[in-house]
PDB file of N, CA and C in Angstrom:
ATOM      1  N   MET A   1      66.956 190.642  30.842  1.00  0.00           N
ATOM      2  CA  MET A   1      66.387 190.675  32.133  1.00  0.00           C
ATOM      3  C   MET A   1      66.594 192.020  32.825  1.00  0.00           C
ATOM      4  N   GLU A   2      65.502 192.588  33.352  1.00  0.00           N
ATOM      5  CA  GLU A   2      65.636 193.862  34.027  1.00  0.00           C
ATOM      6  C   GLU A   2      66.275 193.749  35.380  1.00  0.00           C
ATOM      7  N   ARG A   3      67.183 194.674  35.646  1.00  0.00           N
ATOM      8  CA  ARG A   3      67.904 194.601  36.895  1.00  0.00           C
ATOM      9  C   ARG A   3      67.010 195.126  38.056  1.00  0.00           C
ATOM     10  N   LYS A   4      67.037 194.497  39.198  1.00  0.00           N
ATOM     11  CA  LYS A   4      66.300 194.949  40.371  1.00  0.00           C
ATOM     12  C   LYS A   4      66.912 196.263  40.893  1.00  0.00           C
ATOM     13  N   LYS A   5      66.007 197.093  41.435  1.00  0.00           N
ATOM     14  CA  LYS A   5      66.463 198.441  41.963  1.00  0.00           C
ATOM     15  C   LYS A   5      66.583 198.392  43.479  1.00  0.00           C
ATOM     16  N   ILE A   6      67.787 198.750  43.932  1.00  0.00           N
ATOM     17  CA  ILE A   6      68.107 198.812  45.380  1.00  0.00           C
ATOM     18  C   ILE A   6      68.395 200.262  45.813  1.00  0.00           C
ATOM     19  N   LEU A   7      67.747 200.672  46.909  1.00  0.00           N
ATOM     20  CA  LEU A   7      68.030 202.033  47.466  1.00  0.00           C
ATOM     21  C   LEU A   7      69.016 201.777  48.645  1.00  0.00           C
ATOM     22  N   LEU A   8      70.195 202.378  48.609  1.00  0.00           N
ATOM     23  CA  LEU A   8      71.172 202.265  49.691  1.00  0.00           C
ATOM     24  C   LEU A   8      71.077 203.594  50.510  1.00  0.00           C
ATOM     25  N   VAL A   9      70.858 203.449  51.777  1.00  0.00           N
ATOM     26  CA  VAL A   9      70.723 204.621  52.661  1.00  0.00           C
ATOM     27  C   VAL A   9      71.762 204.537  53.781  1.00  0.00           C
ATOM     28  N   ASP A  10      72.750 205.443  53.697  1.00  0.00           N
ATOM     29  CA  ASP A  10      73.845 205.490  54.718  1.00  0.00           C
ATOM     30  C   ASP A  10      74.469 206.811  54.633  1.00  0.00           C
ATOM     31  N   ASP A  11      74.818 207.464  55.736  1.00  0.00           N
ATOM     32  CA  ASP A  11      75.407 208.718  55.696  1.00  0.00           C
ATOM     33  C   ASP A  11      76.836 208.706  55.346  1.00  0.00           C
ATOM     34  N   GLU A  12      77.429 207.450  55.348  1.00  0.00           N
ATOM     35  CA  GLU A  12      78.852 207.286  54.991  1.00  0.00           C
ATOM     36  C   GLU A  12      78.985 206.831  53.574  1.00  0.00           C
ATOM     37  N   GLU A  13      79.543 207.641  52.708  1.00  0.00           N
ATOM     38  CA  GLU A  13      79.700 207.295  51.324  1.00  0.00           C
ATOM     39  C   GLU A  13      80.517 205.975  51.170  1.00  0.00           C
ATOM     40  N   ALA A  14      81.533 205.743  51.987  1.00  0.00           N
ATOM     41  CA  ALA A  14      82.374 204.590  51.864  1.00  0.00           C
ATOM     42  C   ALA A  14      81.566 203.303  52.019  1.00  0.00           C
ATOM     43  N   ILE A  15      80.563 203.381  52.943  1.00  0.00           N
ATOM     44  CA  ILE A  15      79.735 202.152  53.215  1.00  0.00           C
ATOM     45  C   ILE A  15      78.827 201.917  51.910  1.00  0.00           C
ATOM     46  N   ARG A  16      78.190 202.987  51.360  1.00  0.00           N
ATOM     47  CA  ARG A  16      77.390 202.813  50.227  1.00  0.00           C
ATOM     48  C   ARG A  16      78.207 202.281  49.022  1.00  0.00           C
ATOM     49  N   LYS A  17      79.477 202.756  48.893  1.00  0.00           N
ATOM     50  CA  LYS A  17      80.314 202.314  47.816  1.00  0.00           C
ATOM     51  C   LYS A  17      80.666 200.811  47.981  1.00  0.00           C
ATOM     52  N   MET A  18      80.985 200.460  49.275  1.00  0.00           N
ATOM     53  CA  MET A  18      81.348 199.083  49.599  1.00  0.00           C
ATOM     54  C   MET A  18      80.153 198.149  49.314  1.00  0.00           C
ATOM     55  N   VAL A  19      78.973 198.504  49.728  1.00  0.00           N
ATOM     56  CA  VAL A  19      77.797 197.613  49.453  1.00  0.00           C
ATOM     57  C   VAL A  19      77.489 197.485  47.985  1.00  0.00           C
ATOM     58  N   ARG A  20      77.696 198.547  47.230  1.00  0.00           N
ATOM     59  CA  ARG A  20      77.535 198.480  45.727  1.00  0.00           C
ATOM     60  C   ARG A  20      78.527 197.455  45.249  1.00  0.00           C
ATOM     61  N   ALA A  21      79.765 197.564  45.632  1.00  0.00           N
ATOM     62  CA  ALA A  21      80.825 196.621  45.170  1.00  0.00           C
ATOM     63  C   ALA A  21      80.560 195.193  45.579  1.00  0.00           C
ATOM     64  N   ILE A  22      80.096 194.975  46.796  1.00  0.00           N
ATOM     65  CA  ILE A  22      79.809 193.618  47.250  1.00  0.00           C
ATOM     66  C   ILE A  22      78.657 193.005  46.412  1.00  0.00           C
ATOM     67  N   LEU A  23      77.616 193.753  46.137  1.00  0.00           N
ATOM     68  CA  LEU A  23      76.407 193.258  45.470  1.00  0.00           C
ATOM     69  C   LEU A  23      76.596 193.145  44.016  1.00  0.00           C
ATOM     70  N   GLY A  24      77.409 194.080  43.363  1.00  0.00           N
ATOM     71  CA  GLY A  24      77.701 194.068  41.997  1.00  0.00           C
ATOM     72  C   GLY A  24      76.732 194.865  41.178  1.00  0.00           C
ATOM     73  N   SER A  25      77.274 196.030  40.608  1.00  0.00           N
ATOM     74  CA  SER A  25      76.424 196.932  39.827  1.00  0.00           C
ATOM     75  C   SER A  25      75.987 196.323  38.545  1.00  0.00           C
ATOM     76  N   GLU A  26      76.607 195.193  38.161  1.00  0.00           N
ATOM     77  CA  GLU A  26      76.137 194.524  36.943  1.00  0.00           C
ATOM     78  C   GLU A  26      74.852 193.744  37.140  1.00  0.00           C
ATOM     79  N   LEU A  27      74.598 193.465  38.390  1.00  0.00           N
ATOM     80  CA  LEU A  27      73.469 192.664  38.790  1.00  0.00           C
ATOM     81  C   LEU A  27      72.214 193.559  39.218  1.00  0.00           C
ATOM     82  N   TYR A  28      72.525 194.681  39.840  1.00  0.00           N
ATOM     83  CA  TYR A  28      71.467 195.541  40.379  1.00  0.00           C
ATOM     84  C   TYR A  28      71.687 196.971  39.957  1.00  0.00           C
ATOM     85  N   GLU A  29      70.630 197.716  39.993  1.00  0.00           N
ATOM     86  CA  GLU A  29      70.565 199.167  39.773  1.00  0.00           C
ATOM     87  C   GLU A  29      70.514 199.802  41.160  1.00  0.00           C
ATOM     88  N   PHE A  30      71.399 200.785  41.370  1.00  0.00           N
ATOM     89  CA  PHE A  30      71.419 201.449  42.725  1.00  0.00           C
ATOM     90  C   PHE A  30      71.044 202.907  42.691  1.00  0.00           C
ATOM     91  N   ASP A  31      70.286 203.340  43.687  1.00  0.00           N
ATOM     92  CA  ASP A  31      70.168 204.781  43.996  1.00  0.00           C
ATOM     93  C   ASP A  31      70.656 204.933  45.430  1.00  0.00           C
ATOM     94  N   GLU A  32      70.995 206.129  45.785  1.00  0.00           N
ATOM     95  CA  GLU A  32      71.569 206.352  47.151  1.00  0.00           C
ATOM     96  C   GLU A  32      70.895 207.530  47.830  1.00  0.00           C
ATOM     97  N   ALA A  33      70.885 207.431  49.172  1.00  0.00           N
ATOM     98  CA  ALA A  33      70.371 208.520  50.005  1.00  0.00           C
ATOM     99  C   ALA A  33      71.306 208.572  51.245  1.00  0.00           C
ATOM    100  N   VAL A  34      71.496 209.831  51.715  1.00  0.00           N
ATOM    101  CA  VAL A  34      72.414 209.990  52.893  1.00  0.00           C
ATOM    102  C   VAL A  34      71.710 209.967  54.217  1.00  0.00           C
ATOM    103  N   ASN A  35      70.370 209.941  54.224  1.00  0.00           N
ATOM    104  CA  ASN A  35      69.610 209.777  55.480  1.00  0.00           C
ATOM    105  C   ASN A  35      68.134 209.398  55.142  1.00  0.00           C
ATOM    106  N   GLY A  36      67.389 209.166  56.208  1.00  0.00           N
ATOM    107  CA  GLY A  36      66.035 208.810  55.985  1.00  0.00           C
ATOM    108  C   GLY A  36      65.141 209.752  55.258  1.00  0.00           C
ATOM    109  N   LEU A  37      65.369 211.063  55.472  1.00  0.00           N
ATOM    110  CA  LEU A  37      64.552 212.081  54.743  1.00  0.00           C
ATOM    111  C   LEU A  37      64.860 211.979  53.317  1.00  0.00           C
ATOM    112  N   ASP A  38      66.084 211.977  52.880  1.00  0.00           N
ATOM    113  CA  ASP A  38      66.427 211.854  51.435  1.00  0.00           C
ATOM    114  C   ASP A  38      65.836 210.561  50.841  1.00  0.00           C
ATOM    115  N   ALA A  39      65.901 209.454  51.582  1.00  0.00           N
ATOM    116  CA  ALA A  39      65.313 208.159  51.158  1.00  0.00           C
ATOM    117  C   ALA A  39      63.827 208.333  50.939  1.00  0.00           C
ATOM    118  N   GLN A  40      63.114 208.931  51.894  1.00  0.00           N
ATOM    119  CA  GLN A  40      61.701 209.096  51.741  1.00  0.00           C
ATOM    120  C   GLN A  40      61.299 209.928  50.490  1.00  0.00           C
ATOM    121  N   ALA A  41      62.121 210.989  50.264  1.00  0.00           N
ATOM    122  CA  ALA A  41      61.874 211.794  49.089  1.00  0.00           C
ATOM    123  C   ALA A  41      61.995 210.976  47.809  1.00  0.00           C
ATOM    124  N   LEU A  42      63.033 210.164  47.701  1.00  0.00           N
ATOM    125  CA  LEU A  42      63.237 209.265  46.553  1.00  0.00           C
ATOM    126  C   LEU A  42      62.077 208.230  46.444  1.00  0.00           C
ATOM    127  N   LEU A  43      61.610 207.748  47.630  1.00  0.00           N
ATOM    128  CA  LEU A  43      60.510 206.767  47.520  1.00  0.00           C
ATOM    129  C   LEU A  43      59.168 207.373  47.019  1.00  0.00           C
ATOM    130  N   GLU A  44      59.035 208.749  47.181  1.00  0.00           N
ATOM    131  CA  GLU A  44      57.855 209.392  46.697  1.00  0.00           C
ATOM    132  C   GLU A  44      57.966 209.415  45.093  1.00  0.00           C
ATOM    133  N   LYS A  45      59.104 209.400  44.572  1.00  0.00           N
ATOM    134  CA  LYS A  45      59.266 209.582  43.117  1.00  0.00           C
ATOM    135  C   LYS A  45      59.406 208.318  42.285  1.00  0.00           C
ATOM    136  N   GLN A  46      60.006 207.265  42.915  1.00  0.00           N
ATOM    137  CA  GLN A  46      60.242 206.065  42.204  1.00  0.00           C
ATOM    138  C   GLN A  46      60.066 204.826  43.057  1.00  0.00           C
ATOM    139  N   THR A  47      60.144 203.652  42.423  1.00  0.00           N
ATOM    140  CA  THR A  47      59.882 202.374  43.153  1.00  0.00           C
ATOM    141  C   THR A  47      61.204 201.666  43.238  1.00  0.00           C
ATOM    142  N   PHE A  48      61.362 200.895  44.305  1.00  0.00           N
ATOM    143  CA  PHE A  48      62.549 200.080  44.536  1.00  0.00           C
ATOM    144  C   PHE A  48      62.069 198.683  44.914  1.00  0.00           C
ATOM    145  N   ASP A  49      62.945 197.699  44.585  1.00  0.00           N
ATOM    146  CA  ASP A  49      62.670 196.354  44.977  1.00  0.00           C
ATOM    147  C   ASP A  49      63.166 195.978  46.356  1.00  0.00           C
ATOM    148  N   LEU A  50      64.162 196.733  46.855  1.00  0.00           N
ATOM    149  CA  LEU A  50      64.738 196.499  48.128  1.00  0.00           C
ATOM    150  C   LEU A  50      65.460 197.788  48.674  1.00  0.00           C
ATOM    151  N   ILE A  51      65.340 197.952  49.954  1.00  0.00           N
ATOM    152  CA  ILE A  51      66.044 199.057  50.611  1.00  0.00           C
ATOM    153  C   ILE A  51      67.011 198.504  51.610  1.00  0.00           C
ATOM    154  N   ILE A  52      68.300 199.014  51.549  1.00  0.00           N
ATOM    155  CA  ILE A  52      69.284 198.647  52.544  1.00  0.00           C
ATOM    156  C   ILE A  52      69.700 199.931  53.260  1.00  0.00           C
ATOM    157  N   THR A  53      69.388 199.954  54.575  1.00  0.00           N
ATOM    158  CA  THR A  53      69.630 201.211  55.399  1.00  0.00           C
ATOM    159  C   THR A  53      70.464 201.017  56.599  1.00  0.00           C
ATOM    160  N   ASP A  54      71.241 202.055  56.866  1.00  0.00           N
ATOM    161  CA  ASP A  54      71.929 202.160  58.130  1.00  0.00           C
ATOM    162  C   ASP A  54      70.929 202.538  59.203  1.00  0.00           C
ATOM    163  N   VAL A  55      71.279 202.531  60.467  1.00  0.00           N
ATOM    164  CA  VAL A  55      70.400 203.024  61.505  1.00  0.00           C
ATOM    165  C   VAL A  55      70.757 204.418  61.969  1.00  0.00           C
ATOM    166  N   ILE A  56      72.086 204.537  62.361  1.00  0.00           N
ATOM    167  CA  ILE A  56      72.518 205.837  62.945  1.00  0.00           C
ATOM    168  C   ILE A  56      72.836 206.823  61.811  1.00  0.00           C
ATOM    169  N   MET A  57      71.926 207.735  61.561  1.00  0.00           N
ATOM    170  CA  MET A  57      72.141 208.838  60.516  1.00  0.00           C
ATOM    171  C   MET A  57      71.536 210.149  60.994  1.00  0.00           C
ATOM    172  N   PRO A  58      72.025 211.251  60.529  1.00  0.00           N
ATOM    173  CA  PRO A  58      71.441 212.564  60.880  1.00  0.00           C
ATOM    174  C   PRO A  58      70.044 212.799  60.283  1.00  0.00           C
ATOM    175  N   ASP A  59      69.268 213.661  60.878  1.00  0.00           N
ATOM    176  CA  ASP A  59      67.969 214.134  60.412  1.00  0.00           C
ATOM    177  C   ASP A  59      66.891 213.078  60.532  1.00  0.00           C
ATOM    178  N   CYS A  60      67.091 211.869  59.944  1.00  0.00           N
ATOM    179  CA  CYS A  60      66.031 210.835  60.020  1.00  0.00           C
ATOM    180  C   CYS A  60      66.733 209.582  60.084  1.00  0.00           C
ATOM    181  N   ASP A  61      66.727 208.822  61.179  1.00  0.00           N
ATOM    182  CA  ASP A  61      67.530 207.528  61.247  1.00  0.00           C
ATOM    183  C   ASP A  61      66.841 206.427  60.570  1.00  0.00           C
ATOM    184  N   GLY A  62      67.488 205.265  60.543  1.00  0.00           N
ATOM    185  CA  GLY A  62      66.934 204.048  59.960  1.00  0.00           C
ATOM    186  C   GLY A  62      65.683 203.505  60.602  1.00  0.00           C
ATOM    187  N   ILE A  63      65.570 203.637  61.817  1.00  0.00           N
ATOM    188  CA  ILE A  63      64.428 203.124  62.622  1.00  0.00           C
ATOM    189  C   ILE A  63      63.200 203.967  62.069  1.00  0.00           C
ATOM    190  N   GLU A  64      63.322 205.308  62.092  1.00  0.00           N
ATOM    191  CA  GLU A  64      62.241 206.102  61.579  1.00  0.00           C
ATOM    192  C   GLU A  64      61.864 205.857  60.134  1.00  0.00           C
ATOM    193  N   LEU A  65      62.947 205.573  59.327  1.00  0.00           N
ATOM    194  CA  LEU A  65      62.693 205.231  57.960  1.00  0.00           C
ATOM    195  C   LEU A  65      61.939 203.881  57.810  1.00  0.00           C
ATOM    196  N   VAL A  66      62.324 202.871  58.575  1.00  0.00           N
ATOM    197  CA  VAL A  66      61.543 201.627  58.506  1.00  0.00           C
ATOM    198  C   VAL A  66      60.112 201.797  58.918  1.00  0.00           C
ATOM    199  N   MET A  67      59.850 202.583  59.960  1.00  0.00           N
ATOM    200  CA  MET A  67      58.425 202.820  60.300  1.00  0.00           C
ATOM    201  C   MET A  67      57.683 203.524  59.214  1.00  0.00           C
ATOM    202  N   ALA A  68      58.358 204.556  58.516  1.00  0.00           N
ATOM    203  CA  ALA A  68      57.690 205.256  57.433  1.00  0.00           C
ATOM    204  C   ALA A  68      57.431 204.256  56.268  1.00  0.00           C
ATOM    205  N   ILE A  69      58.360 203.401  55.959  1.00  0.00           N
ATOM    206  CA  ILE A  69      58.253 202.457  54.819  1.00  0.00           C
ATOM    207  C   ILE A  69      57.130 201.510  55.151  1.00  0.00           C
ATOM    208  N   ARG A  70      57.006 200.987  56.384  1.00  0.00           N
ATOM    209  CA  ARG A  70      55.966 200.044  56.730  1.00  0.00           C
ATOM    210  C   ARG A  70      54.574 200.695  56.648  1.00  0.00           C
ATOM    211  N   ARG A  71      54.500 202.028  56.922  1.00  0.00           N
ATOM    212  CA  ARG A  71      53.146 202.664  56.873  1.00  0.00           C
ATOM    213  C   ARG A  71      52.794 202.865  55.361  1.00  0.00           C
ATOM    214  N   LYS A  72      53.727 203.340  54.539  1.00  0.00           N
ATOM    215  CA  LYS A  72      53.368 203.747  53.234  1.00  0.00           C
ATOM    216  C   LYS A  72      53.579 202.653  52.106  1.00  0.00           C
ATOM    217  N   LEU A  73      54.652 201.867  52.292  1.00  0.00           N
ATOM    218  CA  LEU A  73      54.975 200.882  51.261  1.00  0.00           C
ATOM    219  C   LEU A  73      55.302 199.524  51.962  1.00  0.00           C
ATOM    220  N   PRO A  74      54.306 198.916  52.579  1.00  0.00           N
ATOM    221  CA  PRO A  74      54.579 197.632  53.329  1.00  0.00           C
ATOM    222  C   PRO A  74      55.098 196.519  52.574  1.00  0.00           C
ATOM    223  N   GLU A  75      54.985 196.525  51.237  1.00  0.00           N
ATOM    224  CA  GLU A  75      55.408 195.381  50.438  1.00  0.00           C
ATOM    225  C   GLU A  75      56.959 195.416  50.128  1.00  0.00           C
ATOM    226  N   ILE A  76      57.609 196.542  50.369  1.00  0.00           N
ATOM    227  CA  ILE A  76      59.034 196.670  50.114  1.00  0.00           C
ATOM    228  C   ILE A  76      59.848 196.000  51.222  1.00  0.00           C
ATOM    229  N   LYS A  77      60.785 195.114  50.808  1.00  0.00           N
ATOM    230  CA  LYS A  77      61.652 194.462  51.758  1.00  0.00           C
ATOM    231  C   LYS A  77      62.752 195.447  52.159  1.00  0.00           C
ATOM    232  N   VAL A  78      63.122 195.412  53.478  1.00  0.00           N
ATOM    233  CA  VAL A  78      64.132 196.368  54.032  1.00  0.00           C
ATOM    234  C   VAL A  78      65.225 195.490  54.779  1.00  0.00           C
ATOM    235  N   ILE A  79      66.490 195.785  54.476  1.00  0.00           N
ATOM    236  CA  ILE A  79      67.594 195.197  55.293  1.00  0.00           C
ATOM    237  C   ILE A  79      68.144 196.359  56.081  1.00  0.00           C
ATOM    238  N   VAL A  80      68.332 196.162  57.394  1.00  0.00           N
ATOM    239  CA  VAL A  80      68.831 197.180  58.306  1.00  0.00           C
ATOM    240  C   VAL A  80      70.251 196.777  58.789  1.00  0.00           C
ATOM    241  N   MET A  81      71.201 197.736  58.720  1.00  0.00           N
ATOM    242  CA  MET A  81      72.553 197.468  59.222  1.00  0.00           C
ATOM    243  C   MET A  81      72.870 198.532  60.258  1.00  0.00           C
ATOM    244  N   SER A  82      73.720 198.136  61.287  1.00  0.00           N
ATOM    245  CA  SER A  82      74.126 199.024  62.238  1.00  0.00           C
ATOM    246  C   SER A  82      75.513 198.601  62.812  1.00  0.00           C
ATOM    247  N   GLY A  83      76.311 199.611  63.041  1.00  0.00           N
ATOM    248  CA  GLY A  83      77.555 199.335  63.784  1.00  0.00           C
ATOM    249  C   GLY A  83      77.421 199.793  65.218  1.00  0.00           C
ATOM    250  N   GLY A  84      76.160 200.323  65.571  1.00  0.00           N
ATOM    251  CA  GLY A  84      75.961 200.781  66.979  1.00  0.00           C
ATOM    252  C   GLY A  84      76.237 202.264  67.032  1.00  0.00           C
ATOM    253  N   GLY A  85      76.253 202.772  68.186  1.00  0.00           N
ATOM    254  CA  GLY A  85      76.531 204.186  68.491  1.00  0.00           C
ATOM    255  C   GLY A  85      76.724 204.188  70.005  1.00  0.00           C
ATOM    256  N   ARG A  86      75.963 205.085  70.608  1.00  0.00           N
ATOM    257  CA  ARG A  86      75.973 205.131  72.045  1.00  0.00           C
ATOM    258  C   ARG A  86      75.435 203.876  72.651  1.00  0.00           C
ATOM    259  N   VAL A  87      74.494 203.230  71.951  1.00  0.00           N
ATOM    260  CA  VAL A  87      73.813 201.965  72.361  1.00  0.00           C
ATOM    261  C   VAL A  87      74.430 200.834  71.478  1.00  0.00           C
ATOM    262  N   ARG A  88      74.516 199.630  72.066  1.00  0.00           N
ATOM    263  CA  ARG A  88      75.036 198.521  71.250  1.00  0.00           C
ATOM    264  C   ARG A  88      74.113 198.274  70.026  1.00  0.00           C
ATOM    265  N   ALA A  89      74.760 197.920  68.961  1.00  0.00           N
ATOM    266  CA  ALA A  89      74.070 197.781  67.576  1.00  0.00           C
ATOM    267  C   ALA A  89      72.931 196.822  67.711  1.00  0.00           C
ATOM    268  N   GLY A  90      73.063 195.703  68.521  1.00  0.00           N
ATOM    269  CA  GLY A  90      71.983 194.731  68.693  1.00  0.00           C
ATOM    270  C   GLY A  90      70.677 195.281  69.154  1.00  0.00           C
ATOM    271  N   HIS A  91      70.672 196.333  69.974  1.00  0.00           N
ATOM    272  CA  HIS A  91      69.454 196.991  70.465  1.00  0.00           C
ATOM    273  C   HIS A  91      68.702 197.568  69.243  1.00  0.00           C
ATOM    274  N   TYR A  92      69.386 198.331  68.400  1.00  0.00           N
ATOM    275  CA  TYR A  92      68.815 198.958  67.206  1.00  0.00           C
ATOM    276  C   TYR A  92      68.288 197.852  66.288  1.00  0.00           C
ATOM    277  N   LEU A  93      69.126 196.832  66.040  1.00  0.00           N
ATOM    278  CA  LEU A  93      68.722 195.839  65.141  1.00  0.00           C
ATOM    279  C   LEU A  93      67.577 194.999  65.615  1.00  0.00           C
ATOM    280  N   ASP A  94      67.509 194.725  66.869  1.00  0.00           N
ATOM    281  CA  ASP A  94      66.292 194.060  67.480  1.00  0.00           C
ATOM    282  C   ASP A  94      65.016 194.869  67.227  1.00  0.00           C
ATOM    283  N   LEU A  95      65.137 196.130  67.480  1.00  0.00           N
ATOM    284  CA  LEU A  95      63.961 197.040  67.231  1.00  0.00           C
ATOM    285  C   LEU A  95      63.617 197.116  65.713  1.00  0.00           C
ATOM    286  N   ALA A  96      64.531 197.146  64.853  1.00  0.00           N
ATOM    287  CA  ALA A  96      64.346 197.181  63.391  1.00  0.00           C
ATOM    288  C   ALA A  96      63.583 195.919  63.006  1.00  0.00           C
ATOM    289  N   GLY A  97      64.050 194.808  63.505  1.00  0.00           N
ATOM    290  CA  GLY A  97      63.354 193.507  63.230  1.00  0.00           C
ATOM    291  C   GLY A  97      61.919 193.525  63.666  1.00  0.00           C
ATOM    292  N   LYS A  98      61.649 194.025  64.831  1.00  0.00           N
ATOM    293  CA  LYS A  98      60.308 194.032  65.350  1.00  0.00           C
ATOM    294  C   LYS A  98      59.426 195.053  64.672  1.00  0.00           C
ATOM    295  N   LEU A  99      60.056 196.027  63.916  1.00  0.00           N
ATOM    296  CA  LEU A  99      59.301 197.005  63.130  1.00  0.00           C
ATOM    297  C   LEU A  99      59.077 196.557  61.736  1.00  0.00           C
ATOM    298  N   GLY A 100      59.641 195.417  61.353  1.00  0.00           N
ATOM    299  CA  GLY A 100      59.313 194.912  60.057  1.00  0.00           C
ATOM    300  C   GLY A 100      60.504 194.721  59.095  1.00  0.00           C
ATOM    301  N   ALA A 101      61.743 194.946  59.549  1.00  0.00           N
ATOM    302  CA  ALA A 101      62.923 194.770  58.704  1.00  0.00           C
ATOM    303  C   ALA A 101      62.954 193.247  58.376  1.00  0.00           C
ATOM    304  N   ALA A 102      63.179 192.971  57.022  1.00  0.00           N
ATOM    305  CA  ALA A 102      63.246 191.583  56.602  1.00  0.00           C
ATOM    306  C   ALA A 102      64.524 190.836  57.177  1.00  0.00           C
ATOM    307  N   LYS A 103      65.611 191.644  57.338  1.00  0.00           N
ATOM    308  CA  LYS A 103      66.823 191.055  57.808  1.00  0.00           C
ATOM    309  C   LYS A 103      67.624 192.191  58.412  1.00  0.00           C
ATOM    310  N   VAL A 104      68.460 191.858  59.449  1.00  0.00           N
ATOM    311  CA  VAL A 104      69.283 192.880  60.019  1.00  0.00           C
ATOM    312  C   VAL A 104      70.746 192.304  60.064  1.00  0.00           C
ATOM    313  N   PHE A 105      71.741 193.198  59.882  1.00  0.00           N
ATOM    314  CA  PHE A 105      73.159 192.876  59.918  1.00  0.00           C
ATOM    315  C   PHE A 105      73.860 193.836  60.866  1.00  0.00           C
ATOM    316  N   GLU A 106      74.749 193.297  61.655  1.00  0.00           N
ATOM    317  CA  GLU A 106      75.631 194.152  62.457  1.00  0.00           C
ATOM    318  C   GLU A 106      76.914 194.419  61.692  1.00  0.00           C
ATOM    319  N   LYS A 107      77.320 195.658  61.673  1.00  0.00           N
ATOM    320  CA  LYS A 107      78.603 195.980  60.954  1.00  0.00           C
ATOM    321  C   LYS A 107      79.755 195.652  61.884  1.00  0.00           C
ATOM    322  N   PRO A 108      80.822 195.142  61.424  1.00  0.00           N
ATOM    323  CA  PRO A 108      81.108 194.742  60.040  1.00  0.00           C
ATOM    324  C   PRO A 108      80.297 193.404  59.802  1.00  0.00           C
ATOM    325  N   PHE A 109      79.710 193.282  58.583  1.00  0.00           N
ATOM    326  CA  PHE A 109      78.860 192.177  58.299  1.00  0.00           C
ATOM    327  C   PHE A 109      79.568 191.211  57.316  1.00  0.00           C
ATOM    328  N   ASP A 110      79.082 190.035  57.301  1.00  0.00           N
ATOM    329  CA  ASP A 110      79.615 188.905  56.424  1.00  0.00           C
ATOM    330  C   ASP A 110      79.124 189.239  55.011  1.00  0.00           C
ATOM    331  N   THR A 111      80.082 189.461  54.071  1.00  0.00           N
ATOM    332  CA  THR A 111      79.705 189.885  52.720  1.00  0.00           C
ATOM    333  C   THR A 111      78.908 188.772  51.969  1.00  0.00           C
ATOM    334  N   ALA A 112      79.289 187.542  52.164  1.00  0.00           N
ATOM    335  CA  ALA A 112      78.559 186.495  51.486  1.00  0.00           C
ATOM    336  C   ALA A 112      77.149 186.362  52.060  1.00  0.00           C
ATOM    337  N   ALA A 113      76.933 186.524  53.370  1.00  0.00           N
ATOM    338  CA  ALA A 113      75.640 186.495  53.901  1.00  0.00           C
ATOM    339  C   ALA A 113      74.767 187.630  53.368  1.00  0.00           C
ATOM    340  N   LEU A 114      75.346 188.792  53.177  1.00  0.00           N
ATOM    341  CA  LEU A 114      74.583 189.898  52.627  1.00  0.00           C
ATOM    342  C   LEU A 114      74.206 189.612  51.176  1.00  0.00           C
ATOM    343  N   ARG A 115      75.081 189.164  50.388  1.00  0.00           N
ATOM    344  CA  ARG A 115      74.792 188.736  48.977  1.00  0.00           C
ATOM    345  C   ARG A 115      73.650 187.672  48.950  1.00  0.00           C
ATOM    346  N   ARG A 116      73.736 186.667  49.744  1.00  0.00           N
ATOM    347  CA  ARG A 116      72.742 185.579  49.814  1.00  0.00           C
ATOM    348  C   ARG A 116      71.416 186.147  50.209  1.00  0.00           C
ATOM    349  N   THR A 117      71.398 186.969  51.248  1.00  0.00           N
ATOM    350  CA  THR A 117      70.134 187.582  51.737  1.00  0.00           C
ATOM    351  C   THR A 117      69.476 188.471  50.640  1.00  0.00           C
ATOM    352  N   VAL A 118      70.236 189.266  49.932  1.00  0.00           N
ATOM    353  CA  VAL A 118      69.744 190.058  48.909  1.00  0.00           C
ATOM    354  C   VAL A 118      69.075 189.213  47.757  1.00  0.00           C
ATOM    355  N   GLN A 119      69.873 188.238  47.373  1.00  0.00           N
ATOM    356  CA  GLN A 119      69.382 187.279  46.353  1.00  0.00           C
ATOM    357  C   GLN A 119      68.012 186.617  46.734  1.00  0.00           C
ATOM    358  N   GLU A 120      67.948 186.128  47.989  1.00  0.00           N
ATOM    359  CA  GLU A 120      66.757 185.539  48.490  1.00  0.00           C
ATOM    360  C   GLU A 120      65.557 186.531  48.531  1.00  0.00           C
ATOM    361  N   LEU A 121      65.744 187.696  49.035  1.00  0.00           N
ATOM    362  CA  LEU A 121      64.680 188.711  49.103  1.00  0.00           C
ATOM    363  C   LEU A 121      64.207 189.142  47.784  1.00  0.00           C
ATOM    364  N   LEU A 122      65.056 189.168  46.806  1.00  0.00           N
ATOM    365  CA  LEU A 122      64.730 189.610  45.497  1.00  0.00           C
ATOM    366  C   LEU A 122      64.254 188.525  44.484  1.00  0.00           C
ATOM    367  N   SER A 123      64.326 187.268  44.961  1.00  0.00           N
ATOM    368  CA  SER A 123      63.907 186.154  44.102  1.00  0.00           C
ATOM    369  C   SER A 123      62.399 185.852  44.203  1.00  0.00           C
TER     370      SER A 123
END
């Protein structure tokens, strides 16, 4: 069985590493990007089954990324995570949901809920 491809987008390497560990590299194939611009460049070259992105990132944030994905690749499911910033995380996550994110998680998130959501979105 071919493993599903997930693009992890977060400017913090520790978060990307943690999400890979939670989801299991034996179950999924991962690519990574440090911001929305890097993610968009990868999306031009290859296809993904799911994108998991942070909101607060330099150069191109997760909200801008979700808007770009909805314009160019509306079929791809997106999970948006945020720990907030100057504004409470919930504000960013509400906006991400309205823009088409399949699911949103506030950091720190429930690892079992993330695993379940990924399985549901990829089944």
